[in-house]
Amino acid sequence: MNIVESVTTCLTKYFVFKGVASRSEFWWFSLFVMILISAGITLDDNWDNFFSDDYWDNVLSDDETLYYQQSFWDNIFIVITAIPWITVTCRRLHDVGRSGWWQLLAFTIIGYIPLIYWYCKEGESTKKETYKKTNNPSPEDLKKWSELRDSGVITEEEFQKKKKEFI
């Protein structure tokens, strides 16, 4: 899956919490969100303020209008991508056998360690795709089993069993 397919999938599944998301879908969408937020900070011409202590003083101050004036575009992009980010994270956790509620660990600092591990872990959907690719029998494989049956190495019953597995 490439970045375009990932973004398209995540935005079309805006409120879909069921199902699974592959690693590539999750990480490509994560990259897209980071690029979009960075573009918002750039459009706001806010990089200088973003890394200064004054910026965070303004964010935490009572004067909310100053904060919103400084960061209009990045806030817009965060609002647009927040729900798809939550849903793709939920589906990613489903793929590794976890409940989507586990993403609440992000509210604790230490919780990022298992979350990053799970985000990087190979999921069940990837294992199934890999199994299909590596265990997809060819006609030559069936021919070999047929030769083994004809030579008496395996019985007709074993051959039929293998034939059903191939088909």
Foldseek 3Di string as FASTA:
>chain_A
DALVVLVVVLLVVLPPQDAADFLRSLVSVVVVLVVQLVVQLVVLVNPVVVPDPVLVVQVPDPPVVVNCSSRVRSVVSCVSCVRSNLSNLQRLLVQAPHGSVLVVLVVPVVSVVVSVVSSPDGGPVNVVVVCCVVVQDDVVVLVVLVVCCVVPVDDPVVSVVVVVVND
